[in-house]
Amino acid sequence: MSTIYTYQDLLKIPDLESERMDFTKRVVGSHKNTRLYKTAVIADEYRAQRNVTITQYRKLLYTVSGQAVPDNFSADYKLTSNFFNRFITQENQFLLGNGINWADNATEEKLGNNFDTQVQQAGKYALSGGVSFGFWNLDKLDVFPVTEFAPLFDEDDGSVKAGVRFWQVDTNKPLRATLYEIDGYTEYIWRKDEQGQVLYEKRPYVLDIISTEADGQEIYSGENYPSFPIVPLWGNDLHQSELVGMRENIDAYDLIKSGFCNTVDEASMVYWTINNAGGMDEVDLANFIERMRTVHATTIEDDGATAESHTIDIPYASREAILDRLEKDLYKDAMALNTETIASGATTATQIRAAYEPLNSKTDDFEYQVIKFLQGIMNVAGIDDKPTFTRSKIVNTQEEVQTVIQAAPYLGDDYTTRKILALMGDADQAETVLNEIIKQGAGRFIEE
């Protein structure tokens, strides 16, 4: 079992660059041996619809001596489903798809134009790998997946007090790593067959730079944040990938579906029985099959010999039933919304709300994790605000509008107008419509 390094281990390292550099590389190696990292790597494959189990599965044949050899003759389809990516994308976009709402209009400007999209990326990484990390980089948010960042947790309070971001294009290419600490960051590089080197010495996070024509840009001072500027976003309170517990069902679905296709492919072949052809040996039979495949006709030399073709009727009902059961179980266990259940027929608002309830409950837990993450980022950035979210939902617009109209006498013109336009997808037209109502001198536009 590999050693797990913590923030306290970093504090024990002598203040020698060679020692710090060696420690940084050991942290990367240790992190790659953790269950969290290994699961995240597999989850990335499933998210990209490269299901590991089915792609690595090999059909085997056994000789008379019991030796297993690859089956290179029969059909070997490898069909991979997209359940995992669909589930985590649905949960992530359900909460974050409409961006984050802030009480103070100035907050959005302070956080930068791409803050919402970066939080969405952090959310997807967190649900897939179990955790992601947001780095408040002066005036913008950078996001690291757990497959690129090794956190150093504090042994006392469990918070992240330091960490190493690492990347390598290929095993024969240089390894790059950045050691992030509370008082700044240092960049290292290990080239193939060479000793590690300091690429950039430790520098503070906030740099003051002066530019002159003679010397160009020059750093003349710097400062750090009040706390460590990298904040973890956990995908759930169990601190594990959403793939855990789901992978086995996905594997079963893919294996059964692939096996079904293999059976259909093999059963679609016609096989022949030749009567009264005892004089034909294996070579003659092979020539017979080859001629049938090429010219679709042949002659039989033996007197009185006849050939009959046969096809196979495969059982399919049981496999369709288990595939349907597995799909339902996947949606149930993932607490995801299957839109097919509300896409057909005139579904009422009550039925739609009921279908959304499992997804709502699961997203409530994820929202709690996102709020803790945002509070950590705001603390580093020096922002005091409260985030809220608008969840994306399918609605029965006509029924929802009728409900609002019935309550209009108690809600007032302003709220009623804005609510109806929001349900119709025209919320940005509210001011225009309200101004037009005022111009026309209308009092209440809905008669009591």
Protein backbone atom coordinates (compact mmCIF):
# COMPACT_ATOMS: atom_id res chain seq x y z
CA MET A 1 0.00 0.00 0.00
CA SER A 2 1.40 3.39 -1.00
CA THR A 3 2.05 6.21 1.44
CA ILE A 4 -0.60 8.95 1.70
CA TYR A 5 1.05 12.34 2.02
CA THR A 6 -0.54 15.20 3.95
CA TYR A 7 0.05 18.89 4.56
CA GLN A 8 1.96 18.06 7.73
CA ASP A 9 4.39 15.94 5.67
CA LEU A 10 5.09 18.97 3.51
CA LEU A 11 5.88 21.07 6.59
CA LYS A 12 8.51 18.52 7.64
CA ILE A 13 10.44 18.82 4.37
CA PRO A 14 13.72 20.76 4.75
CA ASP A 15 13.84 24.13 3.04
CA LEU A 16 16.06 22.78 0.26
CA GLU A 17 14.79 22.91 -3.32
CA SER A 18 16.10 19.43 -4.11
CA GLU A 19 14.16 17.99 -1.13
CA ARG A 20 10.99 19.87 -2.05
CA MET A 21 11.26 18.77 -5.66
CA ASP A 22 11.71 15.12 -4.64
CA PHE A 23 8.73 15.38 -2.30
CA THR A 24 6.57 16.86 -5.10
CA LYS A 25 7.33 13.92 -7.39
CA ARG A 26 6.59 11.42 -4.59
CA VAL A 27 3.23 13.10 -3.98
CA VAL A 28 2.30 12.60 -7.65
CA GLY A 29 3.29 8.92 -7.57
CA SER A 30 1.40 8.31 -4.33
CA HIS A 31 -1.71 10.06 -5.63
CA LYS A 32 -1.80 7.85 -8.74
CA ASN A 33 -1.98 4.79 -6.48
CA THR A 34 -5.03 5.97 -4.53
CA ARG A 35 -8.46 4.45 -5.06
CA LEU A 36 -9.86 7.92 -5.75
CA TYR A 37 -7.47 8.51 -8.66
CA LYS A 38 -7.82 5.01 -10.15
CA THR A 39 -11.61 5.18 -10.03
CA ALA A 40 -11.55 8.65 -11.63
CA VAL A 41 -9.43 7.35 -14.52
CA ILE A 42 -11.95 4.56 -15.16
CA ALA A 43 -14.85 7.02 -14.80
CA ASP A 44 -13.29 9.23 -17.50
CA GLU A 45 -13.39 6.24 -19.85
CA TYR A 46 -17.05 5.55 -19.12
CA ARG A 47 -17.87 9.26 -19.50
CA ALA A 48 -16.27 9.15 -22.96
CA GLN A 49 -18.40 6.06 -23.80
CA ARG A 50 -15.38 3.78 -23.72
CA ASN A 51 -16.68 1.29 -21.18
CA VAL A 52 -13.60 -0.50 -19.89
CA THR A 53 -15.16 -3.88 -19.15
CA ILE A 54 -16.71 -4.43 -22.57
CA THR A 55 -13.71 -3.08 -24.54
CA GLN A 56 -11.33 -5.38 -22.65
CA TYR A 57 -13.61 -8.41 -22.87
CA ARG A 58 -12.27 -11.22 -25.08
CA LYS A 59 -14.18 -14.25 -26.35
CA LEU A 60 -12.29 -17.49 -25.85
CA LEU A 61 -12.31 -21.00 -27.26
CA TYR A 62 -11.01 -24.05 -25.43
CA THR A 63 -8.98 -26.80 -27.05
CA VAL A 64 -9.43 -30.51 -26.25
CA SER A 65 -6.58 -30.13 -23.76
CA GLY A 66 -8.40 -27.31 -21.98
CA GLN A 67 -6.17 -24.50 -23.23
CA ALA A 68 -7.91 -21.14 -23.78
CA VAL A 69 -7.29 -19.43 -27.11
CA PRO A 70 -8.83 -16.23 -28.57
CA ASP A 71 -11.98 -16.76 -30.63
CA ASN A 72 -11.19 -15.01 -33.90
CA PHE A 73 -13.98 -16.64 -35.90
CA SER A 74 -17.36 -15.79 -34.36
CA ALA A 75 -18.98 -12.35 -34.16
CA ASP A 76 -17.57 -10.14 -31.40
CA TYR A 77 -19.52 -6.88 -31.18
CA LYS A 78 -18.52 -4.45 -28.41
CA LEU A 79 -21.44 -2.06 -27.93
CA THR A 80 -20.94 0.61 -25.29
CA SER A 81 -23.78 2.62 -23.74
CA ASN A 82 -23.74 6.29 -22.73
CA PHE A 83 -25.62 5.95 -19.43
CA PHE A 84 -22.89 7.36 -17.19
CA ASN A 85 -22.27 10.53 -19.20
CA ARG A 86 -26.03 11.04 -19.60
CA PHE A 87 -26.71 10.78 -15.87
CA ILE A 88 -23.96 13.11 -14.63
CA THR A 89 -24.63 15.64 -17.41
CA GLN A 90 -28.32 15.68 -16.53
CA GLU A 91 -27.66 16.23 -12.82
CA ASN A 92 -24.96 18.84 -13.42
CA GLN A 93 -26.91 20.88 -15.99
CA PHE A 94 -30.15 20.55 -14.03
CA LEU A 95 -28.52 22.56 -11.25
CA LEU A 96 -25.97 24.71 -13.10
CA GLY A 97 -27.31 24.94 -16.66
CA ASN A 98 -28.92 28.35 -16.10
CA GLY A 99 -25.89 29.79 -14.35
CA ILE A 100 -25.62 31.12 -10.80
CA ASN A 101 -27.83 33.92 -9.48
CA TRP A 102 -26.24 36.49 -7.18
CA ALA A 103 -27.93 38.94 -4.82
CA ASP A 104 -25.37 41.64 -5.69
CA ASN A 105 -25.13 42.48 -9.41
CA ALA A 106 -21.46 43.43 -8.96
CA THR A 107 -20.51 39.87 -7.94
CA GLU A 108 -20.86 38.48 -11.46
CA GLU A 109 -18.50 41.13 -12.81
CA LYS A 110 -15.91 40.42 -10.10
CA LEU A 111 -15.97 36.70 -10.83
CA GLY A 112 -15.41 37.09 -14.57
CA ASN A 113 -17.33 36.27 -17.73
CA ASN A 114 -16.54 32.54 -17.81
CA PHE A 115 -17.17 31.80 -14.14
CA ASP A 116 -20.49 29.97 -14.75
CA THR A 117 -19.01 27.73 -17.44
CA GLN A 118 -16.01 26.93 -15.24
CA VAL A 119 -18.28 25.96 -12.35
CA GLN A 120 -20.23 23.71 -14.74
CA GLN A 121 -16.95 22.04 -15.75
CA ALA A 122 -15.96 21.65 -12.11
CA GLY A 123 -19.34 20.05 -11.41
CA LYS A 124 -18.97 17.51 -14.20
CA TYR A 125 -15.43 16.62 -13.05
CA ALA A 126 -16.68 16.25 -9.46
CA LEU A 127 -19.57 13.94 -10.33
CA SER A 128 -17.35 11.83 -12.58
CA GLY A 129 -14.17 11.64 -10.51
CA GLY A 130 -15.58 12.22 -7.03
CA VAL A 131 -13.95 15.63 -6.61
CA SER A 132 -12.57 18.53 -8.61
CA PHE A 133 -10.59 21.59 -7.58
CA GLY A 134 -11.19 25.26 -8.28
CA PHE A 135 -8.18 27.61 -8.28
CA TRP A 136 -8.99 31.30 -7.86
CA ASN A 137 -6.34 32.75 -10.17
CA LEU A 138 -6.42 36.51 -9.42
CA ASP A 139 -9.53 37.38 -11.47
CA LYS A 140 -10.73 34.08 -12.90
CA LEU A 141 -11.49 30.50 -11.92
CA ASP A 142 -9.31 27.64 -13.17
CA VAL A 143 -10.52 24.06 -12.73
CA PHE A 144 -8.43 20.91 -12.14
CA PRO A 145 -9.81 17.34 -12.26
CA VAL A 146 -8.62 14.88 -9.64
CA THR A 147 -6.64 13.10 -12.37
CA GLU A 148 -4.43 16.21 -12.61
CA PHE A 149 -4.28 17.43 -9.02
CA ALA A 150 -2.96 15.71 -5.88
CA PRO A 151 -4.35 17.43 -2.75
CA LEU A 152 -2.47 17.61 0.53
CA PHE A 153 -5.08 17.51 3.30
CA ASP A 154 -4.59 18.90 6.77
CA GLU A 155 -4.53 16.05 9.28
CA ASP A 156 -6.30 18.20 11.90
CA ASP A 157 -9.30 19.69 10.09
CA GLY A 158 -9.37 17.78 6.76
CA SER A 159 -9.11 20.92 4.61
CA VAL A 160 -6.86 21.22 1.58
CA LYS A 161 -3.81 23.29 2.60
CA ALA A 162 -1.51 22.51 -0.36
CA GLY A 163 -1.40 20.40 -3.50
CA VAL A 164 0.40 19.43 -6.69
CA ARG A 165 -0.97 19.96 -10.16
CA PHE A 166 0.74 17.64 -12.67
CA TRP A 167 0.50 16.78 -16.35
CA GLN A 168 2.42 14.76 -18.92
CA VAL A 169 1.56 14.45 -22.61
CA ASP A 170 3.07 10.96 -22.86
CA THR A 171 5.30 8.67 -20.81
CA ASN A 172 8.33 9.63 -22.92
CA LYS A 173 7.59 13.35 -22.60
CA PRO A 174 8.56 15.70 -19.73
CA LEU A 175 6.59 15.57 -16.49
CA ARG A 176 5.46 19.01 -15.33
CA ALA A 177 4.31 19.74 -11.79
CA THR A 178 3.34 22.82 -9.82
CA LEU A 179 3.54 22.77 -6.03
CA TYR A 180 0.84 25.08 -4.64
CA GLU A 181 1.28 26.31 -1.06
CA ILE A 182 -0.40 28.97 1.03
CA ASP A 183 2.46 31.41 0.44
CA GLY A 184 2.92 30.84 -3.31
CA TYR A 185 3.66 28.24 -5.97
CA THR A 186 6.76 26.63 -7.53
CA GLU A 187 6.99 24.94 -10.93
CA TYR A 188 9.16 21.88 -11.65
CA ILE A 189 9.99 19.79 -14.70
CA TRP A 190 11.45 16.28 -15.14
CA ARG A 191 12.76 15.59 -18.63
CA LYS A 192 13.44 12.05 -19.79
CA ASP A 193 16.71 10.61 -18.45
CA GLU A 194 17.48 13.89 -16.66
CA GLN A 195 17.33 15.14 -13.10
CA GLY A 196 14.40 17.32 -12.10
CA GLN A 197 14.77 21.06 -12.45
CA VAL A 198 13.11 24.13 -11.04
CA LEU A 199 11.29 25.73 -13.95
CA TYR A 200 10.12 28.77 -11.98
CA GLU A 201 11.05 29.58 -8.40
CA LYS A 202 8.36 30.14 -5.78
CA ARG A 203 6.33 33.26 -6.44
CA PRO A 204 3.27 34.80 -4.77
CA TYR A 205 -0.18 34.38 -6.31
CA VAL A 206 -0.85 38.10 -6.86
CA LEU A 207 2.02 39.76 -8.74
CA ASP A 208 2.64 43.46 -9.31
CA ILE A 209 4.29 43.93 -12.70
CA ILE A 210 5.87 47.05 -14.16
CA SER A 211 6.53 47.43 -17.90
CA THR A 212 9.28 49.56 -19.47
CA GLU A 213 10.48 49.83 -23.05
CA ALA A 214 14.03 49.00 -22.04
CA ASP A 215 13.45 46.01 -19.78
CA GLY A 216 10.00 44.82 -20.79
CA GLN A 217 7.88 43.33 -17.99
CA GLU A 218 9.40 43.02 -14.53
CA ILE A 219 7.89 41.70 -11.29
CA TYR A 220 8.56 44.14 -8.48
CA SER A 221 6.29 42.88 -5.69
CA GLY A 222 3.56 40.38 -4.88
CA GLU A 223 1.11 39.17 -2.25
CA ASN A 224 -0.95 36.11 -1.37
CA TYR A 225 -4.56 35.34 -0.48
CA PRO A 226 -5.97 35.15 3.07
CA SER A 227 -6.35 31.38 2.66
CA PHE A 228 -5.27 28.60 0.31
CA PRO A 229 -6.70 29.55 -3.12
CA ILE A 230 -7.60 26.02 -4.27
CA VAL A 231 -10.98 24.74 -3.08
CA PRO A 232 -12.35 21.18 -3.53
CA LEU A 233 -15.80 20.52 -5.00
CA TRP A 234 -17.04 17.09 -3.93
CA GLY A 235 -19.62 15.35 -6.08
CA ASN A 236 -21.46 13.94 -3.04
CA ASP A 237 -21.13 13.54 0.71
CA LEU A 238 -19.60 10.06 0.24
CA HIS A 239 -16.61 11.64 -1.52
CA GLN A 240 -16.65 9.10 -4.35
CA SER A 241 -17.37 8.91 -8.06
CA GLU A 242 -20.98 8.52 -9.19
CA LEU A 243 -19.74 5.49 -11.15
CA VAL A 244 -19.35 3.50 -7.92
CA GLY A 245 -22.25 1.05 -7.69
CA MET A 246 -23.42 1.94 -11.19
CA ARG A 247 -20.60 0.38 -13.17
CA GLU A 248 -21.73 -3.22 -12.68
CA ASN A 249 -25.22 -2.51 -14.08
CA ILE A 250 -23.74 -0.67 -17.07
CA ASP A 251 -21.37 -3.57 -17.71
CA ALA A 252 -24.20 -6.09 -17.53
CA TYR A 253 -26.30 -4.03 -19.97
CA ASP A 254 -23.44 -3.68 -22.46
CA LEU A 255 -22.40 -7.33 -22.27
CA ILE A 256 -25.94 -8.64 -22.75
CA LYS A 257 -26.63 -6.22 -25.59
CA SER A 258 -23.35 -7.10 -27.32
CA GLY A 259 -23.96 -10.82 -26.82
CA PHE A 260 -27.46 -10.39 -28.27
CA CYS A 261 -25.99 -8.81 -31.41
CA ASN A 262 -23.39 -11.58 -31.66
CA THR A 263 -26.14 -14.20 -31.50
CA VAL A 264 -28.23 -12.42 -34.14
CA ASP A 265 -25.20 -12.13 -36.42
CA GLU A 266 -24.26 -15.78 -36.04
CA ALA A 267 -27.87 -16.99 -36.34
CA SER A 268 -28.31 -15.05 -39.58
CA MET A 269 -25.87 -17.45 -41.26
CA VAL A 270 -27.33 -20.37 -43.19
CA TYR A 271 -25.96 -23.82 -42.42
CA TRP A 272 -26.26 -26.83 -44.70
CA THR A 273 -26.83 -30.55 -44.24
CA ILE A 274 -25.81 -32.87 -47.07
CA ASN A 275 -27.54 -36.23 -47.23
CA ASN A 276 -26.03 -39.37 -48.75
CA ALA A 277 -22.59 -37.75 -49.12
CA GLY A 278 -20.49 -40.07 -47.01
CA GLY A 279 -17.65 -39.82 -49.53
CA MET A 280 -17.14 -36.09 -48.89
CA ASP A 281 -14.30 -35.24 -46.52
CA GLU A 282 -13.65 -31.97 -44.66
CA VAL A 283 -11.93 -30.42 -47.69
CA ASP A 284 -14.94 -31.21 -49.88
CA LEU A 285 -17.28 -29.64 -47.30
CA ALA A 286 -15.13 -26.51 -47.08
CA ASN A 287 -15.14 -26.22 -50.89
CA PHE A 288 -18.91 -26.62 -50.89
CA ILE A 289 -19.37 -23.76 -48.38
CA GLU A 290 -16.88 -21.53 -50.20
CA ARG A 291 -18.66 -22.02 -53.53
CA MET A 292 -22.06 -21.28 -51.97
CA ARG A 293 -20.69 -18.01 -50.57
CA THR A 294 -19.15 -16.88 -53.84
CA VAL A 295 -21.43 -18.01 -56.66
CA HIS A 296 -24.42 -19.11 -54.53
CA ALA A 297 -24.65 -22.40 -56.48
CA THR A 298 -22.75 -25.68 -56.55
CA THR A 299 -22.92 -29.27 -57.72
CA ILE A 300 -22.66 -32.42 -55.62
CA GLU A 301 -20.67 -35.28 -57.11
CA ASP A 302 -22.05 -38.14 -55.01
CA ASP A 303 -24.97 -40.03 -56.57
CA GLY A 304 -28.20 -39.42 -54.68
CA ALA A 305 -26.70 -36.69 -52.46
CA THR A 306 -28.93 -33.74 -51.60
CA ALA A 307 -28.24 -30.46 -49.78
CA GLU A 308 -30.69 -28.69 -47.52
CA SER A 309 -30.30 -25.18 -46.06
CA HIS A 310 -31.37 -24.30 -42.50
CA THR A 311 -31.70 -21.12 -40.44
CA ILE A 312 -31.92 -20.61 -36.67
CA ASP A 313 -34.72 -18.88 -34.80
CA ILE A 314 -33.13 -17.22 -31.77
CA PRO A 315 -34.92 -16.55 -28.47
CA TYR A 316 -35.07 -12.80 -27.90
CA ALA A 317 -37.90 -12.08 -25.45
CA SER A 318 -35.85 -12.89 -22.34
CA ARG A 319 -32.94 -10.69 -23.43
CA GLU A 320 -35.18 -7.77 -24.29
CA ALA A 321 -36.82 -8.16 -20.89
CA ILE A 322 -33.53 -8.12 -18.96
CA LEU A 323 -32.23 -5.14 -21.00
CA ASP A 324 -35.42 -3.24 -20.21
CA ARG A 325 -35.12 -4.17 -16.52
CA LEU A 326 -31.46 -3.10 -16.37
CA GLU A 327 -32.25 0.24 -18.00
CA LYS A 328 -35.05 0.93 -15.52
CA ASP A 329 -32.78 -0.05 -12.62
CA LEU A 330 -30.03 2.26 -13.88
CA TYR A 331 -32.38 5.24 -13.98
CA LYS A 332 -33.81 4.34 -10.57
CA ASP A 333 -30.42 3.88 -8.87
CA ALA A 334 -29.00 7.04 -10.50
CA MET A 335 -32.15 8.96 -9.44
CA ALA A 336 -32.22 10.32 -12.99
CA LEU A 337 -35.13 11.53 -15.10
CA ASN A 338 -36.16 9.33 -18.01
CA THR A 339 -37.82 11.83 -20.36
CA GLU A 340 -39.52 9.02 -22.25
CA THR A 341 -41.88 8.58 -19.31
CA ILE A 342 -43.24 12.12 -19.70
CA ALA A 343 -42.69 12.71 -23.42
CA SER A 344 -45.70 10.75 -24.64
CA GLY A 345 -49.27 11.88 -24.22
CA ALA A 346 -50.72 14.85 -22.36
CA THR A 347 -48.74 14.73 -19.13
CA THR A 348 -50.11 16.87 -16.32
CA ALA A 349 -48.02 19.25 -14.22
CA THR A 350 -48.47 16.93 -11.22
CA GLN A 351 -47.09 13.95 -13.15
CA ILE A 352 -44.12 16.00 -14.35
CA ARG A 353 -43.33 17.11 -10.79
CA ALA A 354 -43.52 13.49 -9.57
CA ALA A 355 -41.14 12.35 -12.32
CA TYR A 356 -38.65 15.06 -11.32
CA GLU A 357 -38.73 14.29 -7.61
CA PRO A 358 -35.85 11.74 -7.48
CA LEU A 359 -33.62 14.06 -9.54
CA ASN A 360 -34.62 16.99 -7.31
CA SER A 361 -33.66 15.06 -4.17
CA LYS A 362 -30.29 14.03 -5.53
CA THR A 363 -29.55 17.52 -6.85
CA ASP A 364 -30.35 18.98 -3.42
CA ASP A 365 -27.35 17.07 -2.05
CA PHE A 366 -25.15 18.20 -4.94
CA GLU A 367 -26.30 21.81 -4.48
CA TYR A 368 -25.06 21.71 -0.89
CA GLN A 369 -21.60 20.66 -2.14
CA VAL A 370 -21.60 23.41 -4.79
CA ILE A 371 -22.57 26.09 -2.26
CA LYS A 372 -19.69 25.05 0.05
CA PHE A 373 -17.36 25.25 -2.95
CA LEU A 374 -18.60 28.70 -3.95
CA GLN A 375 -18.28 29.96 -0.37
CA GLY A 376 -14.66 28.84 -0.37
CA ILE A 377 -13.95 30.65 -3.65
CA MET A 378 -15.71 33.80 -2.44
CA ASN A 379 -13.66 33.76 0.76
CA VAL A 380 -10.44 33.73 -1.28
CA ALA A 381 -11.70 36.38 -3.73
CA GLY A 382 -12.98 38.65 -0.94
CA ILE A 383 -16.63 38.54 -2.04
CA ASP A 384 -19.63 38.53 0.29
CA ASP A 385 -22.76 37.25 -1.46
CA LYS A 386 -25.28 34.42 -1.51
CA PRO A 387 -25.62 32.15 -4.56
CA THR A 388 -28.96 30.73 -5.73
CA PHE A 389 -29.87 28.50 -8.67
CA THR A 390 -32.67 28.18 -11.23
CA ARG A 391 -33.17 24.55 -12.18
CA SER A 392 -34.04 23.54 -15.73
CA LYS A 393 -37.37 21.70 -15.96
CA ILE A 394 -39.86 20.45 -18.50
CA VAL A 395 -43.26 21.98 -17.73
CA ASN A 396 -46.82 21.78 -18.98
CA THR A 397 -46.81 25.46 -20.01
CA GLN A 398 -50.55 25.77 -20.63
CA GLU A 399 -51.45 24.31 -17.23
CA GLU A 400 -48.81 26.39 -15.42
CA VAL A 401 -49.99 29.61 -17.10
CA GLN A 402 -53.61 28.88 -16.19
CA THR A 403 -52.56 28.41 -12.56
CA VAL A 404 -50.80 31.78 -12.52
CA ILE A 405 -53.78 33.52 -14.18
CA GLN A 406 -56.15 32.11 -11.55
CA ALA A 407 -53.92 33.53 -8.79
CA ALA A 408 -53.41 36.89 -10.59
CA PRO A 409 -55.86 38.87 -8.39
CA TYR A 410 -53.67 38.07 -5.38
CA LEU A 411 -50.27 38.39 -7.09
CA GLY A 412 -50.51 41.76 -8.83
CA ASP A 413 -49.90 42.78 -12.43
CA ASP A 414 -46.12 43.04 -12.21
CA TYR A 415 -45.47 39.57 -10.74
CA THR A 416 -48.14 37.91 -12.92
CA THR A 417 -46.69 39.35 -16.12
CA ARG A 418 -43.14 38.37 -15.25
CA LYS A 419 -44.17 34.84 -14.22
CA ILE A 420 -46.20 34.17 -17.36
CA LEU A 421 -43.43 35.46 -19.62
CA ALA A 422 -40.89 33.33 -17.76
CA LEU A 423 -43.03 30.21 -18.29
CA MET A 424 -43.27 31.08 -21.98
CA GLY A 425 -39.51 31.53 -22.25
CA ASP A 426 -39.71 35.32 -22.78
CA ALA A 427 -38.55 36.58 -19.37
CA ASP A 428 -36.29 39.18 -21.00
CA GLN A 429 -39.37 40.86 -22.50
CA ALA A 430 -40.98 41.60 -19.13
CA GLU A 431 -39.94 45.28 -18.96
CA THR A 432 -41.14 45.93 -22.52
CA VAL A 433 -44.53 44.34 -21.87
CA LEU A 434 -45.02 46.15 -18.55
CA ASN A 435 -44.12 49.50 -20.11
CA GLU A 436 -46.61 48.85 -22.90
CA ILE A 437 -49.34 48.11 -20.34
CA ILE A 438 -48.62 51.41 -18.61
CA LYS A 439 -48.72 53.29 -21.91
CA GLN A 440 -52.11 51.87 -22.74
CA GLY A 441 -53.36 53.06 -19.36
CA ALA A 442 -54.39 49.56 -18.36
CA GLY A 443 -55.05 48.95 -14.71
CA ARG A 444 -55.38 45.26 -14.13
CA PHE A 445 -55.05 43.31 -17.35
CA ILE A 446 -56.91 40.34 -15.85
CA GLU A 447 -60.46 40.95 -14.77
CA GLU A 448 -61.40 39.72 -11.39
